[in-house]
Amino acid sequence: MLGEVLHLQIIREVGRVIGLLNAACRQHGCLYLKHVFVNVSEGAFQVALIDLEKSRIRLSRFQAARHDLSQIARRSGWKSERWVAFIEGYRQSFARPLPRFRGRE
């Protein structure tokens, strides 16, 4: 099993990767946690998004962010500590105030 510290680091990195996607005005379109691939090896990890065939370019990064953040908030089931870690990573790469979205804010 992963330690809680490593788990939070992975969630933070998941947020950062999704933030990069949205910062490029791209929306995943069907974002479930099963579409996040995490490779863990000896305490190091890599995060990648899969199933991007339904992704689309939005006119603004905020449109992309609003949609994907709402999906993650609704589907992840994360409690506050994990949600905070995700948002910390997301903010690191999105580099703007977050848009309002349905779910946790």
N, C-alpha and C. Protein backbone atom coordinates (compact mmCIF):
# COMPACT_ATOMS: atom_id res chain seq x y z
N MET A 1 0.83 -1.19 0.00
CA MET A 1 0.00 0.00 0.00
C MET A 1 0.87 1.25 0.00
N LEU A 2 0.35 2.28 -0.60
CA LEU A 2 1.04 3.56 -0.61
C LEU A 2 0.89 4.24 0.73
N GLY A 3 1.93 4.93 1.16
CA GLY A 3 1.80 5.76 2.35
C GLY A 3 0.94 6.97 2.04
N GLU A 4 0.35 7.53 3.08
CA GLU A 4 -0.55 8.68 2.89
C GLU A 4 0.18 9.87 2.28
N VAL A 5 1.44 10.09 2.67
CA VAL A 5 2.21 11.22 2.13
C VAL A 5 2.40 11.05 0.63
N LEU A 6 2.79 9.85 0.19
CA LEU A 6 2.96 9.59 -1.24
C LEU A 6 1.63 9.72 -1.97
N HIS A 7 0.57 9.24 -1.36
CA HIS A 7 -0.76 9.33 -1.97
C HIS A 7 -1.14 10.80 -2.21
N LEU A 8 -0.91 11.66 -1.23
CA LEU A 8 -1.22 13.09 -1.40
C LEU A 8 -0.33 13.72 -2.46
N GLN A 9 0.93 13.29 -2.56
CA GLN A 9 1.82 13.81 -3.61
C GLN A 9 1.29 13.41 -4.99
N ILE A 10 0.82 12.20 -5.11
CA ILE A 10 0.26 11.74 -6.39
C ILE A 10 -0.99 12.54 -6.74
N ILE A 11 -1.87 12.75 -5.78
CA ILE A 11 -3.09 13.53 -6.03
C ILE A 11 -2.73 14.95 -6.44
N ARG A 12 -1.73 15.53 -5.79
CA ARG A 12 -1.27 16.88 -6.15
C ARG A 12 -0.76 16.90 -7.60
N GLU A 13 -0.02 15.87 -7.99
CA GLU A 13 0.49 15.79 -9.36
C GLU A 13 -0.65 15.57 -10.36
N VAL A 14 -1.65 14.81 -9.99
CA VAL A 14 -2.84 14.65 -10.85
C VAL A 14 -3.47 16.02 -11.09
N GLY A 15 -3.60 16.81 -10.04
CA GLY A 15 -4.14 18.17 -10.18
C GLY A 15 -3.29 19.02 -11.09
N ARG A 16 -1.96 18.91 -10.95
CA ARG A 16 -1.06 19.70 -11.79
C ARG A 16 -1.21 19.33 -13.27
N VAL A 17 -1.30 18.04 -13.55
CA VAL A 17 -1.42 17.58 -14.94
C VAL A 17 -2.75 18.03 -15.55
N ILE A 18 -3.83 17.91 -14.81
CA ILE A 18 -5.13 18.36 -15.32
C ILE A 18 -5.13 19.88 -15.48
N GLY A 19 -4.47 20.59 -14.57
CA GLY A 19 -4.34 22.04 -14.70
C GLY A 19 -3.59 22.44 -15.95
N LEU A 20 -2.55 21.69 -16.31
CA LEU A 20 -1.82 21.97 -17.56
C LEU A 20 -2.72 21.79 -18.77
N LEU A 21 -3.51 20.73 -18.77
CA LEU A 21 -4.44 20.48 -19.87
C LEU A 21 -5.41 21.65 -20.00
N ASN A 22 -6.02 22.06 -18.90
CA ASN A 22 -7.00 23.14 -18.92
C ASN A 22 -6.37 24.49 -19.22
N ALA A 23 -5.15 24.73 -18.76
CA ALA A 23 -4.46 25.99 -19.04
C ALA A 23 -4.20 26.16 -20.54
N ALA A 24 -4.14 25.03 -21.25
CA ALA A 24 -3.97 25.05 -22.70
C ALA A 24 -5.32 25.12 -23.42
N CYS A 25 -6.38 25.47 -22.69
CA CYS A 25 -7.75 25.59 -23.21
C CYS A 25 -8.30 24.26 -23.71
N ARG A 26 -7.79 23.17 -23.19
CA ARG A 26 -8.28 21.85 -23.59
C ARG A 26 -9.04 21.23 -22.43
N GLN A 27 -10.20 20.71 -22.76
CA GLN A 27 -11.09 20.05 -21.79
C GLN A 27 -11.04 18.55 -22.07
N HIS A 28 -10.89 17.75 -21.04
CA HIS A 28 -10.83 16.30 -21.24
C HIS A 28 -12.12 15.78 -21.84
N GLY A 29 -13.23 16.19 -21.30
CA GLY A 29 -14.52 15.82 -21.87
C GLY A 29 -15.20 14.65 -21.19
N CYS A 30 -14.44 13.73 -20.65
CA CYS A 30 -15.01 12.56 -19.98
C CYS A 30 -14.07 12.15 -18.85
N LEU A 31 -13.89 13.04 -17.90
CA LEU A 31 -12.84 12.88 -16.91
C LEU A 31 -13.31 12.09 -15.69
N TYR A 32 -12.96 10.84 -15.68
CA TYR A 32 -13.12 9.96 -14.53
C TYR A 32 -11.72 9.66 -14.01
N LEU A 33 -11.60 9.28 -12.76
CA LEU A 33 -10.27 8.95 -12.24
C LEU A 33 -9.68 7.74 -12.96
N LYS A 34 -10.51 6.91 -13.57
CA LYS A 34 -9.97 5.78 -14.33
C LYS A 34 -9.25 6.25 -15.60
N HIS A 35 -9.38 7.53 -15.95
CA HIS A 35 -8.67 8.09 -17.10
C HIS A 35 -7.36 8.74 -16.70
N VAL A 36 -6.96 8.54 -15.45
CA VAL A 36 -5.68 9.03 -14.97
C VAL A 36 -4.80 7.82 -14.72
N PHE A 37 -3.69 7.76 -15.45
CA PHE A 37 -2.76 6.64 -15.31
C PHE A 37 -1.63 7.08 -14.40
N VAL A 38 -1.37 6.32 -13.35
CA VAL A 38 -0.28 6.62 -12.41
C VAL A 38 0.65 5.41 -12.38
N ASN A 39 1.91 5.65 -12.70
CA ASN A 39 2.93 4.61 -12.65
C ASN A 39 3.80 4.89 -11.42
N VAL A 40 3.76 3.99 -10.45
CA VAL A 40 4.54 4.14 -9.22
C VAL A 40 5.64 3.09 -9.23
N SER A 41 6.87 3.54 -9.02
CA SER A 41 8.00 2.63 -9.00
C SER A 41 9.01 3.11 -7.97
N GLU A 42 9.19 2.35 -6.91
CA GLU A 42 10.17 2.64 -5.86
C GLU A 42 10.03 4.05 -5.30
N GLY A 43 8.81 4.46 -5.01
CA GLY A 43 8.58 5.77 -4.40
C GLY A 43 8.50 6.92 -5.38
N ALA A 44 8.86 6.70 -6.64
CA ALA A 44 8.73 7.74 -7.67
C ALA A 44 7.47 7.43 -8.47
N PHE A 45 6.92 8.43 -9.12
CA PHE A 45 5.70 8.20 -9.87
C PHE A 45 5.61 9.13 -11.07
N GLN A 46 4.81 8.70 -12.04
CA GLN A 46 4.50 9.50 -13.22
C GLN A 46 2.99 9.48 -13.39
N VAL A 47 2.43 10.61 -13.83
CA VAL A 47 0.99 10.73 -14.04
C VAL A 47 0.74 11.08 -15.50
N ALA A 48 -0.21 10.40 -16.11
CA ALA A 48 -0.60 10.70 -17.49
C ALA A 48 -2.11 10.57 -17.62
N LEU A 49 -2.68 11.35 -18.51
CA LEU A 49 -4.11 11.26 -18.81
C LEU A 49 -4.29 10.36 -20.02
N ILE A 50 -5.31 9.53 -19.97
CA ILE A 50 -5.60 8.64 -21.09
C ILE A 50 -7.02 8.90 -21.58
N ASP A 51 -7.36 8.28 -22.69
CA ASP A 51 -8.69 8.42 -23.31
C ASP A 51 -9.00 9.87 -23.65
N LEU A 52 -8.09 10.49 -24.37
CA LEU A 52 -8.25 11.90 -24.74
C LEU A 52 -9.02 12.09 -26.05
N GLU A 53 -9.58 11.01 -26.61
CA GLU A 53 -10.26 11.15 -27.89
C GLU A 53 -11.50 12.04 -27.81
N LYS A 54 -12.07 12.19 -26.62
CA LYS A 54 -13.23 13.07 -26.46
C LYS A 54 -12.84 14.47 -25.99
N SER A 55 -11.55 14.73 -25.89
CA SER A 55 -11.12 16.06 -25.45
C SER A 55 -11.41 17.07 -26.55
N ARG A 56 -11.53 18.32 -26.14
CA ARG A 56 -11.82 19.36 -27.12
C ARG A 56 -11.20 20.68 -26.68
N ILE A 57 -10.96 21.52 -27.64
CA ILE A 57 -10.42 22.84 -27.36
C ILE A 57 -11.59 23.76 -27.04
N ARG A 58 -11.46 24.52 -25.96
CA ARG A 58 -12.47 25.49 -25.56
C ARG A 58 -11.95 26.89 -25.87
N LEU A 59 -12.84 27.85 -25.92
CA LEU A 59 -12.43 29.23 -26.22
C LEU A 59 -11.60 29.83 -25.10
N SER A 60 -11.84 29.38 -23.89
CA SER A 60 -11.06 29.91 -22.77
C SER A 60 -10.65 28.77 -21.84
N ARG A 61 -9.59 29.02 -21.11
CA ARG A 61 -9.12 28.04 -20.13
C ARG A 61 -10.16 27.86 -19.03
N PHE A 62 -10.93 28.92 -18.76
CA PHE A 62 -11.94 28.84 -17.70
C PHE A 62 -13.08 27.90 -18.06
N GLN A 63 -13.47 27.86 -19.33
CA GLN A 63 -14.50 26.91 -19.76
C GLN A 63 -14.01 25.47 -19.58
N ALA A 64 -12.77 25.23 -19.99
CA ALA A 64 -12.20 23.89 -19.84
C ALA A 64 -12.10 23.51 -18.37
N ALA A 65 -11.62 24.45 -17.56
CA ALA A 65 -11.44 24.18 -16.13
C ALA A 65 -12.77 23.92 -15.44
N ARG A 66 -13.77 24.74 -15.72
CA ARG A 66 -15.07 24.60 -15.07
C ARG A 66 -15.63 23.20 -15.29
N HIS A 67 -15.55 22.74 -16.51
CA HIS A 67 -16.10 21.42 -16.83
C HIS A 67 -15.32 20.31 -16.14
N ASP A 68 -14.00 20.30 -16.29
CA ASP A 68 -13.20 19.21 -15.74
C ASP A 68 -13.18 19.22 -14.21
N LEU A 69 -13.12 20.40 -13.60
CA LEU A 69 -13.14 20.48 -12.14
C LEU A 69 -14.46 19.98 -11.58
N SER A 70 -15.56 20.32 -12.25
CA SER A 70 -16.87 19.83 -11.80
C SER A 70 -16.93 18.31 -11.86
N GLN A 71 -16.38 17.74 -12.93
CA GLN A 71 -16.39 16.28 -13.05
C GLN A 71 -15.56 15.61 -11.95
N ILE A 72 -14.37 16.13 -11.70
CA ILE A 72 -13.52 15.56 -10.65
C ILE A 72 -14.18 15.71 -9.29
N ALA A 73 -14.74 16.88 -9.01
CA ALA A 73 -15.39 17.11 -7.71
C ALA A 73 -16.55 16.14 -7.50
N ARG A 74 -17.30 15.89 -8.54
CA ARG A 74 -18.47 15.03 -8.45
C ARG A 74 -18.09 13.55 -8.36
N ARG A 75 -17.04 13.16 -9.06
CA ARG A 75 -16.75 11.74 -9.21
C ARG A 75 -15.64 11.19 -8.32
N SER A 76 -14.82 12.05 -7.75
CA SER A 76 -13.65 11.56 -7.01
C SER A 76 -14.00 11.00 -5.64
N GLY A 77 -14.96 11.62 -4.96
CA GLY A 77 -15.27 11.20 -3.60
C GLY A 77 -14.21 11.57 -2.59
N TRP A 78 -13.27 12.44 -2.99
CA TRP A 78 -12.18 12.82 -2.08
C TRP A 78 -12.70 13.67 -0.94
N LYS A 79 -12.21 13.40 0.25
CA LYS A 79 -12.50 14.22 1.42
C LYS A 79 -11.58 15.43 1.39
N SER A 80 -11.72 16.32 2.34
CA SER A 80 -11.08 17.63 2.28
C SER A 80 -9.57 17.60 2.10
N GLU A 81 -8.83 16.75 2.81
CA GLU A 81 -7.37 16.76 2.68
C GLU A 81 -6.92 16.39 1.27
N ARG A 82 -7.56 15.42 0.68
CA ARG A 82 -7.20 15.01 -0.68
C ARG A 82 -7.65 16.05 -1.70
N TRP A 83 -8.82 16.63 -1.48
CA TRP A 83 -9.30 17.67 -2.39
C TRP A 83 -8.36 18.88 -2.35
N VAL A 84 -7.91 19.27 -1.17
CA VAL A 84 -6.98 20.39 -1.03
C VAL A 84 -5.68 20.09 -1.77
N ALA A 85 -5.17 18.86 -1.66
CA ALA A 85 -3.94 18.49 -2.37
C ALA A 85 -4.15 18.59 -3.88
N PHE A 86 -5.29 18.13 -4.37
CA PHE A 86 -5.59 18.21 -5.80
C PHE A 86 -5.60 19.67 -6.26
N ILE A 87 -6.31 20.53 -5.53
CA ILE A 87 -6.42 21.94 -5.91
C ILE A 87 -5.07 22.64 -5.83
N GLU A 88 -4.23 22.30 -4.86
CA GLU A 88 -2.89 22.88 -4.78
C GLU A 88 -2.11 22.58 -6.06
N GLY A 89 -2.13 21.33 -6.49
CA GLY A 89 -1.44 20.95 -7.73
C GLY A 89 -2.05 21.64 -8.94
N TYR A 90 -3.37 21.71 -8.97
CA TYR A 90 -4.06 22.34 -10.09
C TYR A 90 -3.68 23.81 -10.20
N ARG A 91 -3.71 24.50 -9.09
CA ARG A 91 -3.36 25.94 -9.09
C ARG A 91 -1.93 26.18 -9.53
N GLN A 92 -1.05 25.26 -9.20
CA GLN A 92 0.36 25.40 -9.58
C GLN A 92 0.52 25.51 -11.10
N SER A 93 -0.24 24.75 -11.84
CA SER A 93 -0.09 24.78 -13.30
C SER A 93 -1.10 25.67 -14.00
N PHE A 94 -2.26 25.89 -13.40
CA PHE A 94 -3.28 26.74 -14.04
C PHE A 94 -2.89 28.21 -13.96
N ALA A 95 -2.24 28.59 -12.88
CA ALA A 95 -1.62 29.91 -12.70
C ALA A 95 -2.57 31.10 -12.84
N ARG A 96 -3.81 30.91 -12.55
CA ARG A 96 -4.82 31.98 -12.54
C ARG A 96 -5.81 31.65 -11.44
N PRO A 97 -6.61 32.63 -11.04
CA PRO A 97 -7.70 32.28 -10.10
C PRO A 97 -8.60 31.23 -10.75
N LEU A 98 -9.08 30.31 -9.97
CA LEU A 98 -9.93 29.25 -10.51
C LEU A 98 -11.32 29.78 -10.80
N PRO A 99 -11.96 29.26 -11.84
CA PRO A 99 -13.35 29.65 -12.11
C PRO A 99 -14.28 29.01 -11.10
N ARG A 100 -15.47 29.54 -10.98
CA ARG A 100 -16.48 28.89 -10.14
C ARG A 100 -16.95 27.64 -10.88
N PHE A 101 -17.19 26.58 -10.14
CA PHE A 101 -17.64 25.34 -10.75
C PHE A 101 -18.54 24.61 -9.77
N ARG A 102 -19.31 23.68 -10.29
CA ARG A 102 -20.20 22.89 -9.44
C ARG A 102 -19.38 21.89 -8.65
N GLY A 103 -19.81 21.67 -7.44
CA GLY A 103 -19.08 20.73 -6.59
C GLY A 103 -18.39 21.48 -5.48
N ARG A 104 -17.21 21.08 -5.16
CA ARG A 104 -16.44 21.74 -4.09
C ARG A 104 -15.81 23.00 -4.62
N GLU A 105 -15.76 24.02 -3.78
CA GLU A 105 -15.13 25.27 -4.20
C GLU A 105 -14.29 25.82 -3.10
